[in-house]
């Protein structure tokens, strides 16, 4: 990339400056090739045809403007081919070197309302959305991916720096959208597949569930073994209060009893991770803060510039000038021809009375 035209006030660069060598080509052709013979050297001269073919202009010096416009069109096309680009000032982008996959349980049990905001009970998924959305917003410099799992597991978002989109996808998640059961092993296996081969120092999976591995094709422990071979650290979070509160505030059955903490602990152990138990909203918030401290960032910065292609402007100008030149070259001869025909018709009309008058005078003389 050339900065031939770059200036502090005009940061314009050329993506393909080699095309500029073609700029003087029309002048070289005009200088090297012999001039075309004009119509005065022809053996037979038809004045009217010569007048029309030159657009009604008698002097060749008056046609230089056509060459100038054609030369300008050529120059604009060459500039467009050189790909002028506007580049912004360097923009700093923080880099952490971490790839984080978030796996969220959407099984039917996540609708249990055993988390409280003040005096209002909310379901487990709503609590997850509140806490994890804030966790996502603070991941500047990390690449995040999102996996949903219930009876099946699927990737809602691949690894991306677009944290806003990841947060939106999480907030749009609905319970039972992929079944009622829980496939922890498939979620871990899918995350391993997405994080495989990524050239980063830290790869982390944060898996949140409130149940047991009751669905899927891959056992949770075997999926954890694959994650360990890939060097992936898995942090598991068990959701649910030990004493559930009913709709009217009375104690209800212990929904946390279906939570298989043994499986979640084993998955974390096999991958050098850690298991956490989230029994209320405050504890869930603390867990994500602890995970952030357990996985320190590899700090650093990357710089990039926004590039905007400008070739459309000279290309558009060349197109407009070409159309105008074509219209002039077409309309001027037509108008000249029309004027000539009108002039000749008027001369013919004026000569007819004279011929009639001369005929009458000659008749009287004969008498």
Protein backbone atom coordinates (compact mmCIF):
# COMPACT_ATOMS: atom_id res chain seq x y z
CA UNK A 1 0.00 0.00 0.00
CA UNK A 2 1.35 3.37 -0.98
CA UNK A 3 0.96 6.56 1.00
CA UNK A 4 1.89 8.73 -1.97
CA UNK A 5 -1.13 10.96 -1.43
CA UNK A 6 -1.16 10.67 2.34
CA UNK A 7 -1.08 13.78 4.46
CA UNK A 8 -1.97 14.55 8.04
CA UNK A 9 -5.11 16.35 6.86
CA UNK A 10 -5.81 13.92 4.00
CA UNK A 11 -4.97 10.34 5.02
CA UNK A 12 -5.55 8.83 1.57
CA UNK A 13 -3.59 5.77 0.46
CA UNK A 14 -3.46 3.83 -2.78
CA UNK A 15 -4.07 0.10 -2.70
CA UNK A 16 -2.68 -0.50 -6.21
CA UNK A 17 -0.38 2.43 -7.10
CA UNK A 18 1.18 0.57 -10.04
CA UNK A 19 -1.72 1.61 -12.27
CA UNK A 20 -0.50 5.21 -12.14
CA UNK A 21 2.18 4.32 -14.69
CA UNK A 22 -0.58 4.11 -17.28
CA UNK A 23 -1.60 7.76 -16.84
CA UNK A 24 0.58 9.25 -19.65
CA UNK A 25 -0.44 6.58 -22.20
CA UNK A 26 -2.88 8.80 -24.19
CA UNK A 27 -0.28 11.59 -24.46
CA UNK A 28 2.36 9.12 -25.65
CA UNK A 29 -0.01 7.74 -28.28
CA UNK A 30 -0.86 11.24 -29.47
CA UNK A 31 2.82 12.16 -29.65
CA UNK A 32 4.13 8.96 -31.28
CA UNK A 33 1.42 8.15 -33.81
CA UNK A 34 1.14 10.38 -36.93
CA UNK A 35 -1.83 12.73 -37.02
CA UNK A 36 -4.88 11.61 -38.97
CA UNK A 37 -5.37 13.19 -42.39
CA UNK A 38 -7.96 15.90 -42.40
CA UNK A 39 -10.70 16.19 -44.95
CA UNK A 40 -8.94 18.90 -46.99
CA UNK A 41 -6.50 16.28 -48.32
CA UNK A 42 -9.28 14.06 -49.65
CA UNK A 43 -9.71 13.68 -53.39
CA UNK A 44 -13.41 14.53 -53.27
CA UNK A 45 -14.71 17.09 -50.82
CA UNK A 46 -18.40 17.28 -49.95
CA UNK A 47 -18.75 20.49 -47.95
CA UNK A 48 -22.04 19.61 -46.31
CA UNK A 49 -20.86 16.15 -45.23
CA UNK A 50 -17.61 17.56 -43.91
CA UNK A 51 -19.52 20.15 -41.96
CA UNK A 52 -21.84 17.58 -40.39
CA UNK A 53 -19.08 15.07 -39.57
CA UNK A 54 -17.12 17.72 -37.66
CA UNK A 55 -20.13 18.82 -35.68
CA UNK A 56 -20.41 22.10 -37.56
CA UNK A 57 -16.92 23.22 -36.49
CA UNK A 58 -14.59 24.35 -39.20
CA UNK A 59 -11.42 24.67 -37.18
CA UNK A 60 -9.68 21.66 -35.66
CA UNK A 61 -8.46 23.79 -32.78
CA UNK A 62 -12.00 23.92 -31.47
CA UNK A 63 -12.07 20.13 -31.01
CA UNK A 64 -9.29 20.08 -28.42
CA UNK A 65 -11.89 20.13 -25.64
CA UNK A 66 -12.97 16.63 -26.65
CA UNK A 67 -9.45 15.33 -26.21
CA UNK A 68 -9.15 17.12 -22.87
CA UNK A 69 -12.37 15.53 -21.57
CA UNK A 70 -11.32 12.11 -22.85
CA UNK A 71 -7.95 12.56 -21.13
CA UNK A 72 -9.73 13.52 -17.90
CA UNK A 73 -11.94 10.42 -18.12
CA UNK A 74 -8.85 8.26 -18.64
CA UNK A 75 -7.15 9.83 -15.62
CA UNK A 76 -10.19 9.23 -13.41
CA UNK A 77 -10.37 5.59 -14.49
CA UNK A 78 -6.68 5.08 -13.69
CA UNK A 79 -7.12 6.69 -10.28
CA UNK A 80 -10.11 4.43 -9.58
CA UNK A 81 -8.07 1.37 -10.60
CA UNK A 82 -5.35 2.47 -8.15
CA UNK A 83 -7.89 1.93 -5.33
CA UNK A 84 -7.69 5.13 -3.28
CA UNK A 85 -8.48 4.39 0.35
CA UNK A 86 -9.21 6.50 3.38
CA UNK A 87 -7.66 5.19 6.58
CA UNK A 88 -8.66 6.23 10.07
CA UNK A 89 -6.30 6.92 12.93
CA UNK A 90 -5.01 3.81 14.74
CA UNK A 91 -7.67 2.33 17.02
CA UNK A 92 -6.52 0.40 20.07
CA UNK A 93 -8.22 -2.91 20.71
CA UNK A 94 -7.53 -4.68 24.00
CA UNK A 95 -6.46 -8.30 23.64
CA UNK A 96 -6.66 -10.89 26.38
CA UNK A 97 -5.84 -14.11 24.58
CA UNK A 98 -8.82 -15.95 26.11
CA UNK A 99 -11.49 -17.98 24.36
CA UNK A 100 -14.51 -18.58 26.59
CA UNK A 101 -17.47 -20.81 25.77
CA UNK A 102 -20.61 -20.38 27.86
CA UNK A 103 -22.90 -23.41 28.12
CA UNK A 104 -26.38 -22.67 29.50
CA UNK A 105 -28.99 -25.24 30.51
CA UNK A 106 -32.46 -24.67 28.95
CA UNK A 107 -34.15 -27.79 30.34
CA UNK A 108 -37.60 -27.70 31.91
CA UNK A 109 -36.29 -27.58 35.49
CA UNK A 110 -34.75 -24.14 34.83
CA UNK A 111 -38.25 -22.65 35.13
CA UNK A 112 -38.31 -23.29 38.90
CA UNK A 113 -38.71 -20.00 40.74
CA UNK A 114 -36.26 -20.34 43.63
CA UNK A 115 -34.20 -17.18 43.04
CA UNK A 116 -35.24 -13.87 44.58
CA UNK A 117 -34.92 -10.24 43.55
CA UNK A 118 -35.97 -8.42 46.69
CA UNK A 119 -39.29 -10.02 47.53
CA UNK A 120 -40.04 -11.21 44.00
CA UNK A 121 -39.31 -14.79 42.98
CA UNK A 122 -37.84 -15.36 39.52
CA UNK A 123 -37.03 -18.53 37.61
CA UNK A 124 -33.49 -19.83 37.28
CA UNK A 125 -33.08 -18.89 33.63
CA UNK A 126 -34.02 -15.27 34.35
CA UNK A 127 -31.38 -15.17 37.09
CA UNK A 128 -28.82 -16.61 34.68
CA UNK A 129 -29.67 -14.00 32.05
CA UNK A 130 -29.20 -11.17 34.54
CA UNK A 131 -25.83 -12.32 35.87
CA UNK A 132 -24.31 -13.75 32.71
CA UNK A 133 -25.32 -10.74 30.58
CA UNK A 134 -23.30 -8.52 32.90
CA UNK A 135 -20.43 -11.03 32.79
CA UNK A 136 -20.46 -10.90 28.97
CA UNK A 137 -20.34 -7.10 28.87
CA UNK A 138 -17.17 -7.09 30.98
CA UNK A 139 -15.33 -9.51 28.67
CA UNK A 140 -13.70 -6.83 26.51
CA UNK A 141 -10.82 -8.41 24.62
CA UNK A 142 -12.10 -11.98 25.06
CA UNK A 143 -13.72 -14.08 22.38
CA UNK A 144 -16.98 -15.57 23.59
CA UNK A 145 -19.13 -18.39 22.27
CA UNK A 146 -22.52 -19.61 23.45
CA UNK A 147 -23.89 -23.16 23.68
CA UNK A 148 -27.46 -24.02 24.67
CA UNK A 149 -28.34 -27.50 25.80
CA UNK A 150 -31.37 -29.45 27.01
CA UNK A 151 -32.37 -32.71 25.30
CA UNK A 152 -29.82 -31.72 22.65
CA UNK A 153 -26.94 -29.27 22.49
CA UNK A 154 -26.28 -26.71 19.78
CA UNK A 155 -24.03 -23.70 19.22
CA UNK A 156 -26.02 -20.48 19.47
CA UNK A 157 -22.95 -18.36 18.73
CA UNK A 158 -19.44 -19.34 17.61
CA UNK A 159 -16.43 -17.63 19.15
CA UNK A 160 -16.67 -13.93 18.44
CA UNK A 161 -15.59 -10.52 19.71
CA UNK A 162 -19.14 -9.27 19.15
CA UNK A 163 -20.21 -9.36 22.78
CA UNK A 164 -23.42 -7.47 22.09
CA UNK A 165 -24.70 -10.23 19.82
CA UNK A 166 -23.80 -12.93 22.34
CA UNK A 167 -25.71 -11.09 25.07
CA UNK A 168 -28.73 -10.65 22.79
CA UNK A 169 -28.79 -14.34 21.91
CA UNK A 170 -28.69 -15.24 25.59
CA UNK A 171 -31.57 -12.90 26.42
CA UNK A 172 -33.64 -14.37 23.58
CA UNK A 173 -33.26 -17.94 24.86
CA UNK A 174 -36.45 -19.72 25.89
CA UNK A 175 -37.01 -22.73 28.10
CA UNK A 176 -37.92 -26.06 26.45
CA UNK A 177 -36.88 -24.72 23.04
CA UNK A 178 -34.67 -27.78 22.53
CA UNK A 179 -36.42 -30.23 24.81
CA UNK A 180 -37.02 -30.87 28.51
CA UNK A 181 -34.09 -33.09 29.48
CA UNK A 182 -30.39 -32.36 30.10
CA UNK A 183 -27.41 -33.37 27.94
CA UNK A 184 -24.36 -32.16 29.84
CA UNK A 185 -21.94 -34.45 28.01
CA UNK A 186 -23.05 -33.26 24.57
CA UNK A 187 -22.66 -29.62 25.66
CA UNK A 188 -19.09 -30.25 26.84
CA UNK A 189 -18.25 -32.20 23.69
CA UNK A 190 -19.63 -29.47 21.43
CA UNK A 191 -17.62 -26.82 23.28
CA UNK A 192 -14.47 -28.94 22.90
CA UNK A 193 -15.09 -29.17 19.17
CA UNK A 194 -15.49 -25.40 18.86
CA UNK A 195 -12.39 -24.63 20.93
CA UNK A 196 -10.24 -27.24 19.20
CA UNK A 197 -7.20 -25.86 17.41
CA UNK A 198 -7.63 -22.27 18.58
CA UNK A 199 -4.24 -20.55 18.84
CA UNK A 200 -4.78 -18.90 22.22
CA UNK A 201 -3.16 -19.34 25.60
CA UNK A 202 -6.38 -19.83 27.58
CA UNK A 203 -9.46 -21.79 26.59
CA UNK A 204 -12.27 -21.96 29.11
CA UNK A 205 -15.73 -23.50 29.29
CA UNK A 206 -18.21 -22.27 31.89
CA UNK A 207 -21.07 -24.77 32.12
CA UNK A 208 -24.21 -23.99 34.09
CA UNK A 209 -26.83 -26.63 34.84
CA UNK A 210 -29.43 -27.53 37.43
CA UNK A 211 -29.89 -31.21 36.60
CA UNK A 212 -28.40 -34.56 35.77
CA UNK A 213 -27.01 -35.90 32.50
CA UNK A 214 -30.27 -37.55 31.38
CA UNK A 215 -29.98 -37.13 27.60
CA UNK A 216 -27.49 -36.97 24.77
CA UNK A 217 -25.10 -39.46 23.22
CA UNK A 218 -21.88 -38.57 25.06
CA UNK A 219 -21.38 -39.32 28.77
CA UNK A 220 -20.32 -36.29 30.78
CA UNK A 221 -17.15 -37.91 32.15
CA UNK A 222 -15.99 -39.00 28.70
CA UNK A 223 -16.61 -35.51 27.33
CA UNK A 224 -14.53 -34.13 30.20
CA UNK A 225 -11.74 -36.54 29.26
CA UNK A 226 -11.71 -35.14 25.71
CA UNK A 227 -11.65 -31.62 27.14
CA UNK A 228 -8.66 -32.52 29.30
CA UNK A 229 -6.76 -33.84 26.29
CA UNK A 230 -7.38 -30.52 24.53
CA UNK A 231 -6.12 -28.52 27.51
CA UNK A 232 -9.57 -27.02 28.05
CA UNK A 233 -10.47 -25.87 31.56
CA UNK A 234 -14.10 -26.45 32.55
CA UNK A 235 -15.81 -24.57 35.37
CA UNK A 236 -19.16 -26.04 36.35
CA UNK A 237 -21.95 -24.26 38.20
CA UNK A 238 -24.84 -26.09 39.87
CA UNK A 239 -28.06 -24.06 40.02
CA UNK A 240 -30.87 -24.26 42.57
CA UNK A 241 -31.74 -23.49 46.16
CA UNK A 242 -31.90 -26.32 48.69
CA UNK A 243 -35.23 -25.07 49.95
CA UNK A 244 -37.65 -24.04 47.25
CA UNK A 245 -40.25 -21.35 47.88
CA UNK A 246 -43.68 -21.83 46.35
CA UNK A 247 -45.77 -19.22 44.59
CA UNK A 248 -47.33 -18.03 47.86
CA UNK A 249 -44.10 -18.05 49.87
CA UNK A 250 -44.58 -21.45 51.54
CA UNK A 251 -41.74 -24.00 51.52
CA UNK A 252 -42.06 -26.43 48.65
CA UNK A 253 -40.30 -29.60 47.57
CA UNK A 254 -36.53 -29.58 47.22
CA UNK A 255 -36.07 -29.05 43.49
CA UNK A 256 -32.33 -29.02 44.02
CA UNK A 257 -32.50 -32.73 44.71
CA UNK A 258 -32.35 -33.54 41.00
CA UNK A 259 -29.01 -31.74 40.70
CA UNK A 260 -26.21 -34.24 40.22
CA UNK A 261 -23.33 -32.45 41.87
CA UNK A 262 -21.13 -35.52 41.60
CA UNK A 263 -21.10 -35.35 37.80
CA UNK A 264 -20.43 -31.62 37.72
CA UNK A 265 -17.61 -31.95 40.24
CA UNK A 266 -16.03 -34.78 38.27
CA UNK A 267 -16.15 -32.80 35.02
CA UNK A 268 -14.41 -29.87 36.73
CA UNK A 269 -11.81 -32.13 38.38
CA UNK A 270 -10.85 -33.91 35.17
CA UNK A 271 -10.18 -30.60 33.43
CA UNK A 272 -8.37 -28.82 36.31
CA UNK A 273 -11.38 -26.60 36.76
CA UNK A 274 -13.62 -25.98 39.74
CA UNK A 275 -17.22 -26.63 40.76
CA UNK A 276 -19.46 -23.96 42.29
CA UNK A 277 -22.92 -24.11 43.82
CA UNK A 278 -25.25 -21.17 43.15
CA UNK A 279 -28.18 -21.13 45.58
CA UNK A 280 -29.16 -17.48 45.15
CA UNK A 281 -28.57 -14.50 42.90
CA UNK A 282 -25.79 -12.97 44.97
CA UNK A 283 -23.88 -16.25 45.06
CA UNK A 284 -24.22 -16.64 41.28
CA UNK A 285 -22.77 -13.16 40.80
CA UNK A 286 -19.87 -13.97 43.13
CA UNK A 287 -19.15 -17.20 41.23
CA UNK A 288 -18.68 -15.45 37.90
CA UNK A 289 -16.46 -12.86 39.59
CA UNK A 290 -14.37 -15.67 41.11
CA UNK A 291 -14.00 -17.38 37.72
CA UNK A 292 -12.78 -14.11 36.27
CA UNK A 293 -10.09 -13.92 38.96
CA UNK A 294 -9.12 -17.58 38.52
CA UNK A 295 -8.50 -17.01 34.81
CA UNK A 296 -6.19 -13.96 34.69
CA UNK A 297 -5.99 -12.13 31.42
CA UNK A 298 -2.97 -12.12 29.16
CA UNK A 299 -3.06 -8.38 28.70
CA UNK A 300 -2.01 -6.65 25.53
CA UNK A 301 -3.27 -4.42 22.78
CA UNK A 302 -3.78 -4.64 19.05
CA UNK A 303 -4.09 -1.68 16.73
CA UNK A 304 -6.08 -1.51 13.55
CA UNK A 305 -7.30 1.11 11.13
CA UNK A 306 -10.67 1.39 9.50
CA UNK A 307 -10.32 1.40 5.72
CA UNK A 308 -12.90 2.90 3.38
CA UNK A 309 -12.61 2.40 -0.36
CA UNK A 310 -12.89 5.65 -2.36
CA UNK A 311 -12.64 4.32 -5.92
CA UNK A 312 -16.38 4.79 -6.45
CA UNK A 313 -15.94 8.59 -6.59
CA UNK A 314 -13.45 8.83 -9.49
CA UNK A 315 -15.23 5.95 -11.21
CA UNK A 316 -18.56 7.73 -10.93
CA UNK A 317 -17.06 11.00 -12.16
CA UNK A 318 -15.56 9.21 -15.17
CA UNK A 319 -18.94 7.67 -15.97
CA UNK A 320 -20.72 11.03 -15.79
CA UNK A 321 -18.14 12.75 -18.02
CA UNK A 322 -18.28 9.87 -20.51
CA UNK A 323 -22.06 10.12 -20.75
CA UNK A 324 -21.91 13.90 -21.19
CA UNK A 325 -19.25 13.61 -23.88
CA UNK A 326 -21.27 10.96 -25.71
CA UNK A 327 -24.39 13.13 -25.59
CA UNK A 328 -22.50 16.10 -26.97
CA UNK A 329 -20.94 14.07 -29.79
CA UNK A 330 -24.36 12.68 -30.73
CA UNK A 331 -26.55 15.76 -30.37
CA UNK A 332 -24.25 18.38 -31.93
CA UNK A 333 -24.09 16.71 -35.39
CA UNK A 334 -27.83 16.05 -35.28
CA UNK A 335 -28.57 19.67 -34.42
CA UNK A 336 -26.14 20.86 -37.08
CA UNK A 337 -27.82 18.65 -39.68
CA UNK A 338 -31.23 19.96 -38.68
CA UNK A 339 -30.04 23.55 -38.91
CA UNK A 340 -28.55 22.93 -42.33
CA UNK A 341 -31.75 21.35 -43.58
CA UNK A 342 -33.79 24.27 -42.25
CA UNK A 343 -31.41 26.76 -43.89
CA UNK A 344 -31.56 24.99 -47.26
CA UNK A 345 -35.34 24.72 -47.11
CA UNK A 346 -35.63 28.43 -46.40
CA UNK A 347 -33.33 29.24 -49.29
CA UNK A 348 -35.44 27.02 -51.54
CA UNK A 349 -38.64 28.75 -50.46
CA UNK A 350 -37.09 32.17 -51.10
CA UNK A 351 -35.88 31.22 -54.59
CA UNK A 352 -39.30 30.01 -55.81
CA UNK A 353 -40.98 33.49 -55.92
CA UNK A 354 -37.95 34.90 -57.72
CA UNK A 355 -38.18 32.16 -60.34
CA UNK A 356 -41.90 32.77 -60.75
CA UNK A 357 -41.36 36.53 -61.15
CA UNK A 358 -38.67 36.06 -63.77
CA UNK A 359 -40.94 33.72 -65.74
CA UNK A 360 -43.78 36.28 -65.87
CA UNK A 361 -41.48 39.06 -67.04
CA UNK A 362 -40.09 36.90 -69.80
CA UNK A 363 -43.64 36.10 -70.97
CA UNK A 364 -44.62 39.74 -71.26
CA UNK A 365 -41.49 40.47 -73.27
CA UNK A 366 -42.39 37.76 -75.82
CA UNK A 367 -45.81 39.29 -76.34
